[in-house]
Amino acid sequence: MRGVVQGVGFRWFARETAERLGVSGWVRNRPDGCVEGEAEGDADAVREFVALLKKGPSFARVDEVEAKAVEWKGKAVGFEIR
């Protein structure tokens, strides 16, 4: 995610949203000011998760979300902030 996404509760927003939707994975800040993560779960839940990340929490400004489909590993349990 690019934009104003660090220091505004974005990672906590992502974790709470993922947990509510039953999505597993992780999210972390990158040194370049972006946030990156990985999510897996039911396809509809993951699509909704990505749509909500595009809006972000109230203090964030999300300019871009890059999402790509990958093979579901089925190994992630829960959603963590790294």
PDB file of N, CA and C in Angstrom:
ATOM      1  N   MET A   1       0.837  -1.145   0.000  1.00  0.00           N
ATOM      2  CA  MET A   1       0.000   0.000   0.000  1.00  0.00           C
ATOM      3  C   MET A   1       0.896   1.225   0.000  1.00  0.00           C
ATOM      4  N   ARG A   2       0.538   2.167  -0.810  1.00  0.00           N
ATOM      5  CA  ARG A   2       1.295   3.418  -0.886  1.00  0.00           C
ATOM      6  C   ARG A   2       0.370   4.564  -0.513  1.00  0.00           C
ATOM      7  N   GLY A   3       0.970   5.599   0.031  1.00  0.00           N
ATOM      8  CA  GLY A   3       0.231   6.784   0.450  1.00  0.00           C
ATOM      9  C   GLY A   3       0.666   7.134   1.860  1.00  0.00           C
ATOM     10  N   VAL A   4      -0.242   7.705   2.623  1.00  0.00           N
ATOM     11  CA  VAL A   4       0.032   7.976   4.036  1.00  0.00           C
ATOM     12  C   VAL A   4      -0.498   6.766   4.800  1.00  0.00           C
ATOM     13  N   VAL A   5       0.378   5.774   4.959  1.00  0.00           N
ATOM     14  CA  VAL A   5      -0.055   4.497   5.531  1.00  0.00           C
ATOM     15  C   VAL A   5       0.788   4.068   6.729  1.00  0.00           C
ATOM     16  N   GLN A   6       1.769   4.886   7.115  1.00  0.00           N
ATOM     17  CA  GLN A   6       2.542   4.585   8.317  1.00  0.00           C
ATOM     18  C   GLN A   6       2.273   5.674   9.350  1.00  0.00           C
ATOM     19  N   GLY A   7       2.152   5.255  10.604  1.00  0.00           N
ATOM     20  CA  GLY A   7       1.896   6.198  11.682  1.00  0.00           C
ATOM     21  C   GLY A   7       0.442   6.611  11.805  1.00  0.00           C
ATOM     22  N   VAL A   8      -0.452   5.891  11.137  1.00  0.00           N
ATOM     23  CA  VAL A   8      -1.877   6.246  11.154  1.00  0.00           C
ATOM     24  C   VAL A   8      -2.764   5.061  11.560  1.00  0.00           C
ATOM     25  N   GLY A   9      -2.159   3.998  12.101  1.00  0.00           N
ATOM     26  CA  GLY A   9      -2.928   2.833  12.540  1.00  0.00           C
ATOM     27  C   GLY A   9      -3.296   1.875  11.428  1.00  0.00           C
ATOM     28  N   PHE A  10      -2.618   1.973  10.285  1.00  0.00           N
ATOM     29  CA  PHE A  10      -2.977   1.138   9.148  1.00  0.00           C
ATOM     30  C   PHE A  10      -2.789  -0.350   9.428  1.00  0.00           C
ATOM     31  N   ARG A  11      -1.668  -0.711  10.040  1.00  0.00           N
ATOM     32  CA  ARG A  11      -1.421  -2.141  10.284  1.00  0.00           C
ATOM     33  C   ARG A  11      -2.440  -2.715  11.261  1.00  0.00           C
ATOM     34  N   TRP A  12      -2.815  -1.947  12.266  1.00  0.00           N
ATOM     35  CA  TRP A  12      -3.819  -2.421  13.223  1.00  0.00           C
ATOM     36  C   TRP A  12      -5.183  -2.522  12.546  1.00  0.00           C
ATOM     37  N   PHE A  13      -5.483  -1.568  11.676  1.00  0.00           N
ATOM     38  CA  PHE A  13      -6.714  -1.617  10.882  1.00  0.00           C
ATOM     39  C   PHE A  13      -6.734  -2.889  10.035  1.00  0.00           C
ATOM     40  N   ALA A  14      -5.604  -3.189   9.390  1.00  0.00           N
ATOM     41  CA  ALA A  14      -5.519  -4.387   8.552  1.00  0.00           C
ATOM     42  C   ALA A  14      -5.747  -5.644   9.385  1.00  0.00           C
ATOM     43  N   ARG A  15      -5.115  -5.713  10.564  1.00  0.00           N
ATOM     44  CA  ARG A  15      -5.276  -6.902  11.407  1.00  0.00           C
ATOM     45  C   ARG A  15      -6.713  -7.055  11.880  1.00  0.00           C
ATOM     46  N   GLU A  16      -7.324  -5.986  12.357  1.00  0.00           N
ATOM     47  CA  GLU A  16      -8.706  -6.068  12.827  1.00  0.00           C
ATOM     48  C   GLU A  16      -9.651  -6.454  11.696  1.00  0.00           C
ATOM     49  N   THR A  17      -9.431  -5.891  10.520  1.00  0.00           N
ATOM     50  CA  THR A  17     -10.267  -6.207   9.358  1.00  0.00           C
ATOM     51  C   THR A  17     -10.094  -7.665   8.954  1.00  0.00           C
ATOM     52  N   ALA A  18      -8.863  -8.131   8.918  1.00  0.00           N
ATOM     53  CA  ALA A  18      -8.597  -9.530   8.563  1.00  0.00           C
ATOM     54  C   ALA A  18      -9.246 -10.483   9.554  1.00  0.00           C
ATOM     55  N   GLU A  19      -9.101 -10.196  10.836  1.00  0.00           N
ATOM     56  CA  GLU A  19      -9.682 -11.074  11.853  1.00  0.00           C
ATOM     57  C   GLU A  19     -11.202 -11.113  11.738  1.00  0.00           C
ATOM     58  N   ARG A  20     -11.814  -9.966  11.465  1.00  0.00           N
ATOM     59  CA  ARG A  20     -13.280  -9.916  11.327  1.00  0.00           C
ATOM     60  C   ARG A  20     -13.750 -10.734  10.126  1.00  0.00           C
ATOM     61  N   LEU A  21     -12.946 -10.745   9.062  1.00  0.00           N
ATOM     62  CA  LEU A  21     -13.324 -11.448   7.833  1.00  0.00           C
ATOM     63  C   LEU A  21     -12.830 -12.893   7.788  1.00  0.00           C
ATOM     64  N   GLY A  22     -12.039 -13.311   8.769  1.00  0.00           N
ATOM     65  CA  GLY A  22     -11.505 -14.667   8.769  1.00  0.00           C
ATOM     66  C   GLY A  22     -10.343 -14.853   7.806  1.00  0.00           C
ATOM     67  N   VAL A  23      -9.609 -13.782   7.547  1.00  0.00           N
ATOM     68  CA  VAL A  23      -8.458 -13.818   6.644  1.00  0.00           C
ATOM     69  C   VAL A  23      -7.195 -13.988   7.483  1.00  0.00           C
ATOM     70  N   SER A  24      -6.284 -14.812   7.027  1.00  0.00           N
ATOM     71  CA  SER A  24      -5.012 -15.041   7.720  1.00  0.00           C
ATOM     72  C   SER A  24      -3.888 -14.353   6.969  1.00  0.00           C
ATOM     73  N   GLY A  25      -2.767 -14.118   7.673  1.00  0.00           N
ATOM     74  CA  GLY A  25      -1.598 -13.564   7.011  1.00  0.00           C
ATOM     75  C   GLY A  25      -0.821 -12.622   7.897  1.00  0.00           C
ATOM     76  N   TRP A  26      -0.227 -11.596   7.278  1.00  0.00           N
ATOM     77  CA  TRP A  26       0.613 -10.663   8.015  1.00  0.00           C
ATOM     78  C   TRP A  26       0.665  -9.320   7.297  1.00  0.00           C
ATOM     79  N   VAL A  27       1.152  -8.302   8.026  1.00  0.00           N
ATOM     80  CA  VAL A  27       1.344  -6.969   7.476  1.00  0.00           C
ATOM     81  C   VAL A  27       2.545  -6.340   8.181  1.00  0.00           C
ATOM     82  N   ARG A  28       3.313  -5.505   7.439  1.00  0.00           N
ATOM     83  CA  ARG A  28       4.462  -4.838   8.058  1.00  0.00           C
ATOM     84  C   ARG A  28       4.780  -3.534   7.310  1.00  0.00           C
ATOM     85  N   ASN A  29       5.441  -2.628   8.021  1.00  0.00           N
ATOM     86  CA  ASN A  29       5.941  -1.406   7.418  1.00  0.00           C
ATOM     87  C   ASN A  29       7.208  -1.710   6.631  1.00  0.00           C
ATOM     88  N   ARG A  30       7.398  -0.984   5.546  1.00  0.00           N
ATOM     89  CA  ARG A  30       8.628  -1.079   4.778  1.00  0.00           C
ATOM     90  C   ARG A  30       9.439   0.192   4.970  1.00  0.00           C
ATOM     91  N   PRO A  31      10.737   0.129   4.821  1.00  0.00           N
ATOM     92  CA  PRO A  31      11.580   1.321   4.997  1.00  0.00           C
ATOM     93  C   PRO A  31      11.234   2.469   4.045  1.00  0.00           C
ATOM     94  N   ASP A  32      10.625   2.156   2.894  1.00  0.00           N
ATOM     95  CA  ASP A  32      10.309   3.205   1.918  1.00  0.00           C
ATOM     96  C   ASP A  32       9.003   3.938   2.214  1.00  0.00           C
ATOM     97  N   GLY A  33       8.360   3.636   3.360  1.00  0.00           N
ATOM     98  CA  GLY A  33       7.122   4.315   3.744  1.00  0.00           C
ATOM     99  C   GLY A  33       5.860   3.587   3.337  1.00  0.00           C
ATOM    100  N   CYS A  34       5.995   2.496   2.624  1.00  0.00           N
ATOM    101  CA  CYS A  34       4.844   1.689   2.217  1.00  0.00           C
ATOM    102  C   CYS A  34       4.539   0.643   3.286  1.00  0.00           C
ATOM    103  N   VAL A  35       3.428  -0.023   3.115  1.00  0.00           N
ATOM    104  CA  VAL A  35       3.051  -1.157   3.949  1.00  0.00           C
ATOM    105  C   VAL A  35       2.873  -2.338   3.010  1.00  0.00           C
ATOM    106  N   GLU A  36       3.379  -3.502   3.410  1.00  0.00           N
ATOM    107  CA  GLU A  36       3.201  -4.704   2.602  1.00  0.00           C
ATOM    108  C   GLU A  36       2.637  -5.813   3.481  1.00  0.00           C
ATOM    109  N   GLY A  37       2.032  -6.781   2.832  1.00  0.00           N
ATOM    110  CA  GLY A  37       1.492  -7.898   3.581  1.00  0.00           C
ATOM    111  C   GLY A  37       1.113  -9.036   2.667  1.00  0.00           C
ATOM    112  N   GLU A  38       0.610 -10.063   3.298  1.00  0.00           N
ATOM    113  CA  GLU A  38       0.153 -11.252   2.588  1.00  0.00           C
ATOM    114  C   GLU A  38      -1.108 -11.725   3.284  1.00  0.00           C
ATOM    115  N   ALA A  39      -2.090 -12.097   2.506  1.00  0.00           N
ATOM    116  CA  ALA A  39      -3.364 -12.542   3.079  1.00  0.00           C
ATOM    117  C   ALA A  39      -3.859 -13.776   2.341  1.00  0.00           C
ATOM    118  N   GLU A  40      -4.481 -14.666   3.072  1.00  0.00           N
ATOM    119  CA  GLU A  40      -5.071 -15.848   2.451  1.00  0.00           C
ATOM    120  C   GLU A  40      -6.348 -16.218   3.178  1.00  0.00           C
ATOM    121  N   GLY A  41      -7.202 -16.881   2.452  1.00  0.00           N
ATOM    122  CA  GLY A  41      -8.479 -17.309   3.009  1.00  0.00           C
ATOM    123  C   GLY A  41      -9.494 -17.480   1.895  1.00  0.00           C
ATOM    124  N   ASP A  42     -10.746 -17.497   2.273  1.00  0.00           N
ATOM    125  CA  ASP A  42     -11.838 -17.586   1.316  1.00  0.00           C
ATOM    126  C   ASP A  42     -11.708 -16.455   0.295  1.00  0.00           C
ATOM    127  N   ALA A  43     -11.884 -16.762  -0.979  1.00  0.00           N
ATOM    128  CA  ALA A  43     -11.667 -15.779  -2.043  1.00  0.00           C
ATOM    129  C   ALA A  43     -12.521 -14.526  -1.860  1.00  0.00           C
ATOM    130  N   ASP A  44     -13.791 -14.686  -1.499  1.00  0.00           N
ATOM    131  CA  ASP A  44     -14.656 -13.517  -1.298  1.00  0.00           C
ATOM    132  C   ASP A  44     -14.179 -12.675  -0.121  1.00  0.00           C
ATOM    133  N   ALA A  45     -13.734 -13.327   0.935  1.00  0.00           N
ATOM    134  CA  ALA A  45     -13.250 -12.603   2.119  1.00  0.00           C
ATOM    135  C   ALA A  45     -11.975 -11.832   1.779  1.00  0.00           C
ATOM    136  N   VAL A  46     -11.089 -12.434   1.010  1.00  0.00           N
ATOM    137  CA  VAL A  46      -9.850 -11.755   0.636  1.00  0.00           C
ATOM    138  C   VAL A  46     -10.158 -10.567  -0.275  1.00  0.00           C
ATOM    139  N   ARG A  47     -11.101 -10.722  -1.192  1.00  0.00           N
ATOM    140  CA  ARG A  47     -11.491  -9.598  -2.059  1.00  0.00           C
ATOM    141  C   ARG A  47     -12.051  -8.448  -1.229  1.00  0.00           C
ATOM    142  N   GLU A  48     -12.888  -8.758  -0.259  1.00  0.00           N
ATOM    143  CA  GLU A  48     -13.443  -7.717   0.610  1.00  0.00           C
ATOM    144  C   GLU A  48     -12.335  -7.071   1.449  1.00  0.00           C
ATOM    145  N   PHE A  49     -11.405  -7.878   1.934  1.00  0.00           N
ATOM    146  CA  PHE A  49     -10.269  -7.377   2.700  1.00  0.00           C
ATOM    147  C   PHE A  49      -9.487  -6.349   1.880  1.00  0.00           C
ATOM    148  N   VAL A  50      -9.159  -6.689   0.642  1.00  0.00           N
ATOM    149  CA  VAL A  50      -8.403  -5.779  -0.228  1.00  0.00           C
ATOM    150  C   VAL A  50      -9.209  -4.507  -0.484  1.00  0.00           C
ATOM    151  N   ALA A  51     -10.507  -4.639  -0.718  1.00  0.00           N
ATOM    152  CA  ALA A  51     -11.349  -3.462  -0.947  1.00  0.00           C
ATOM    153  C   ALA A  51     -11.332  -2.533   0.261  1.00  0.00           C
ATOM    154  N   LEU A  52     -11.373  -3.096   1.459  1.00  0.00           N
ATOM    155  CA  LEU A  52     -11.349  -2.277   2.676  1.00  0.00           C
ATOM    156  C   LEU A  52      -9.976  -1.658   2.900  1.00  0.00           C
ATOM    157  N   LEU A  53      -8.904  -2.353   2.519  1.00  0.00           N
ATOM    158  CA  LEU A  53      -7.563  -1.775   2.619  1.00  0.00           C
ATOM    159  C   LEU A  53      -7.425  -0.569   1.707  1.00  0.00           C
ATOM    160  N   LYS A  54      -8.110  -0.569   0.587  1.00  0.00           N
ATOM    161  CA  LYS A  54      -8.046   0.571  -0.329  1.00  0.00           C
ATOM    162  C   LYS A  54      -8.618   1.835   0.308  1.00  0.00           C
ATOM    163  N   LYS A  55      -9.531   1.664   1.261  1.00  0.00           N
ATOM    164  CA  LYS A  55     -10.094   2.807   1.986  1.00  0.00           C
ATOM    165  C   LYS A  55      -9.221   3.152   3.182  1.00  0.00           C
ATOM    166  N   GLY A  56      -8.768   2.127   3.899  1.00  0.00           N
ATOM    167  CA  GLY A  56      -7.904   2.314   5.057  1.00  0.00           C
ATOM    168  C   GLY A  56      -8.627   2.940   6.240  1.00  0.00           C
ATOM    169  N   PRO A  57      -7.898   3.154   7.351  1.00  0.00           N
ATOM    170  CA  PRO A  57      -8.484   3.818   8.512  1.00  0.00           C
ATOM    171  C   PRO A  57      -8.650   5.313   8.239  1.00  0.00           C
ATOM    172  N   SER A  58      -9.348   5.997   9.107  1.00  0.00           N
ATOM    173  CA  SER A  58      -9.720   7.393   8.851  1.00  0.00           C
ATOM    174  C   SER A  58      -8.540   8.339   8.665  1.00  0.00           C
ATOM    175  N   PHE A  59      -7.410   8.118   9.319  1.00  0.00           N
ATOM    176  CA  PHE A  59      -6.270   9.032   9.205  1.00  0.00           C
ATOM    177  C   PHE A  59      -5.321   8.683   8.059  1.00  0.00           C
ATOM    178  N   ALA A  60      -5.576   7.588   7.381  1.00  0.00           N
ATOM    179  CA  ALA A  60      -4.706   7.164   6.279  1.00  0.00           C
ATOM    180  C   ALA A  60      -5.158   7.801   4.968  1.00  0.00           C
ATOM    181  N   ARG A  61      -4.242   7.845   4.034  1.00  0.00           N
ATOM    182  CA  ARG A  61      -4.562   8.198   2.655  1.00  0.00           C
ATOM    183  C   ARG A  61      -3.918   7.120   1.793  1.00  0.00           C
ATOM    184  N   VAL A  62      -4.724   6.271   1.243  1.00  0.00           N
ATOM    185  CA  VAL A  62      -4.227   5.158   0.436  1.00  0.00           C
ATOM    186  C   VAL A  62      -4.265   5.577  -1.031  1.00  0.00           C
ATOM    187  N   ASP A  63      -3.087   5.697  -1.617  1.00  0.00           N
ATOM    188  CA  ASP A  63      -2.998   6.091  -3.020  1.00  0.00           C
ATOM    189  C   ASP A  63      -2.985   4.891  -3.961  1.00  0.00           C
ATOM    190  N   GLU A  64      -2.452   3.762  -3.487  1.00  0.00           N
ATOM    191  CA  GLU A  64      -2.317   2.598  -4.356  1.00  0.00           C
ATOM    192  C   GLU A  64      -2.271   1.316  -3.528  1.00  0.00           C
ATOM    193  N   VAL A  65      -2.983   0.321  -3.987  1.00  0.00           N
ATOM    194  CA  VAL A  65      -2.887  -1.023  -3.424  1.00  0.00           C
ATOM    195  C   VAL A  65      -2.569  -1.947  -4.580  1.00  0.00           C
ATOM    196  N   GLU A  66      -1.462  -2.620  -4.466  1.00  0.00           N
ATOM    197  CA  GLU A  66      -1.075  -3.598  -5.472  1.00  0.00           C
ATOM    198  C   GLU A  66      -1.392  -4.971  -4.914  1.00  0.00           C
ATOM    199  N   ALA A  67      -2.261  -5.690  -5.586  1.00  0.00           N
ATOM    200  CA  ALA A  67      -2.637  -7.026  -5.116  1.00  0.00           C
ATOM    201  C   ALA A  67      -2.460  -8.010  -6.259  1.00  0.00           C
ATOM    202  N   LYS A  68      -1.951  -9.182  -5.922  1.00  0.00           N
ATOM    203  CA  LYS A  68      -1.832 -10.228  -6.931  1.00  0.00           C
ATOM    204  C   LYS A  68      -2.201 -11.556  -6.295  1.00  0.00           C
ATOM    205  N   ALA A  69      -2.821 -12.392  -7.086  1.00  0.00           N
ATOM    206  CA  ALA A  69      -3.233 -13.711  -6.610  1.00  0.00           C
ATOM    207  C   ALA A  69      -2.025 -14.641  -6.605  1.00  0.00           C
ATOM    208  N   VAL A  70      -1.914 -15.405  -5.553  1.00  0.00           N
ATOM    209  CA  VAL A  70      -0.882 -16.428  -5.445  1.00  0.00           C
ATOM    210  C   VAL A  70      -1.540 -17.706  -4.966  1.00  0.00           C
ATOM    211  N   GLU A  71      -0.833 -18.780  -5.052  1.00  0.00           N
ATOM    212  CA  GLU A  71      -1.371 -20.064  -4.613  1.00  0.00           C
ATOM    213  C   GLU A  71      -1.628 -20.034  -3.110  1.00  0.00           C
ATOM    214  N   TRP A  72      -2.804 -20.468  -2.709  1.00  0.00           N
ATOM    215  CA  TRP A  72      -3.190 -20.501  -1.301  1.00  0.00           C
ATOM    216  C   TRP A  72      -2.416 -21.618  -0.626  1.00  0.00           C
ATOM    217  N   LYS A  73      -1.609 -21.256   0.340  1.00  0.00           N
ATOM    218  CA  LYS A  73      -0.782 -22.228   1.041  1.00  0.00           C
ATOM    219  C   LYS A  73      -1.554 -22.926   2.146  1.00  0.00           C
ATOM    220  N   GLY A  74      -2.536 -22.257   2.707  1.00  0.00           N
ATOM    221  CA  GLY A  74      -3.351 -22.840   3.760  1.00  0.00           C
ATOM    222  C   GLY A  74      -2.620 -23.040   5.071  1.00  0.00           C
ATOM    223  N   LYS A  75      -1.476 -22.403   5.241  1.00  0.00           N
ATOM    224  CA  LYS A  75      -0.676 -22.612   6.443  1.00  0.00           C
ATOM    225  C   LYS A  75      -0.798 -21.482   7.454  1.00  0.00           C
ATOM    226  N   ALA A  76      -1.170 -20.283   6.989  1.00  0.00           N
ATOM    227  CA  ALA A  76      -1.243 -19.145   7.900  1.00  0.00           C
ATOM    228  C   ALA A  76      -2.400 -19.322   8.872  1.00  0.00           C
ATOM    229  N   VAL A  77      -2.138 -18.984  10.112  1.00  0.00           N
ATOM    230  CA  VAL A  77      -3.171 -19.030  11.150  1.00  0.00           C
ATOM    231  C   VAL A  77      -3.166 -17.670  11.837  1.00  0.00           C
ATOM    232  N   GLY A  78      -4.291 -16.989  11.802  1.00  0.00           N
ATOM    233  CA  GLY A  78      -4.370 -15.670  12.402  1.00  0.00           C
ATOM    234  C   GLY A  78      -3.752 -14.626  11.483  1.00  0.00           C
ATOM    235  N   PHE A  79      -3.699 -13.406  11.981  1.00  0.00           N
ATOM    236  CA  PHE A  79      -3.141 -12.310  11.201  1.00  0.00           C
ATOM    237  C   PHE A  79      -2.221 -11.526  12.120  1.00  0.00           C
ATOM    238  N   GLU A  80      -0.964 -11.398  11.724  1.00  0.00           N
ATOM    239  CA  GLU A  80       0.006 -10.758  12.622  1.00  0.00           C
ATOM    240  C   GLU A  80       0.579  -9.479  12.039  1.00  0.00           C
ATOM    241  N   ILE A  81       0.965  -8.609  12.936  1.00  0.00           N
ATOM    242  CA  ILE A  81       1.703  -7.404  12.587  1.00  0.00           C
ATOM    243  C   ILE A  81       3.163  -7.723  12.806  1.00  0.00           C
ATOM    244  N   ARG A  82       3.967  -7.554  11.786  1.00  0.00           N
ATOM    245  CA  ARG A  82       5.400  -7.865  11.889  1.00  0.00           C
ATOM    246  C   ARG A  82       6.209  -6.598  12.055  1.00  0.00           C
TER     247      ARG A  82
END
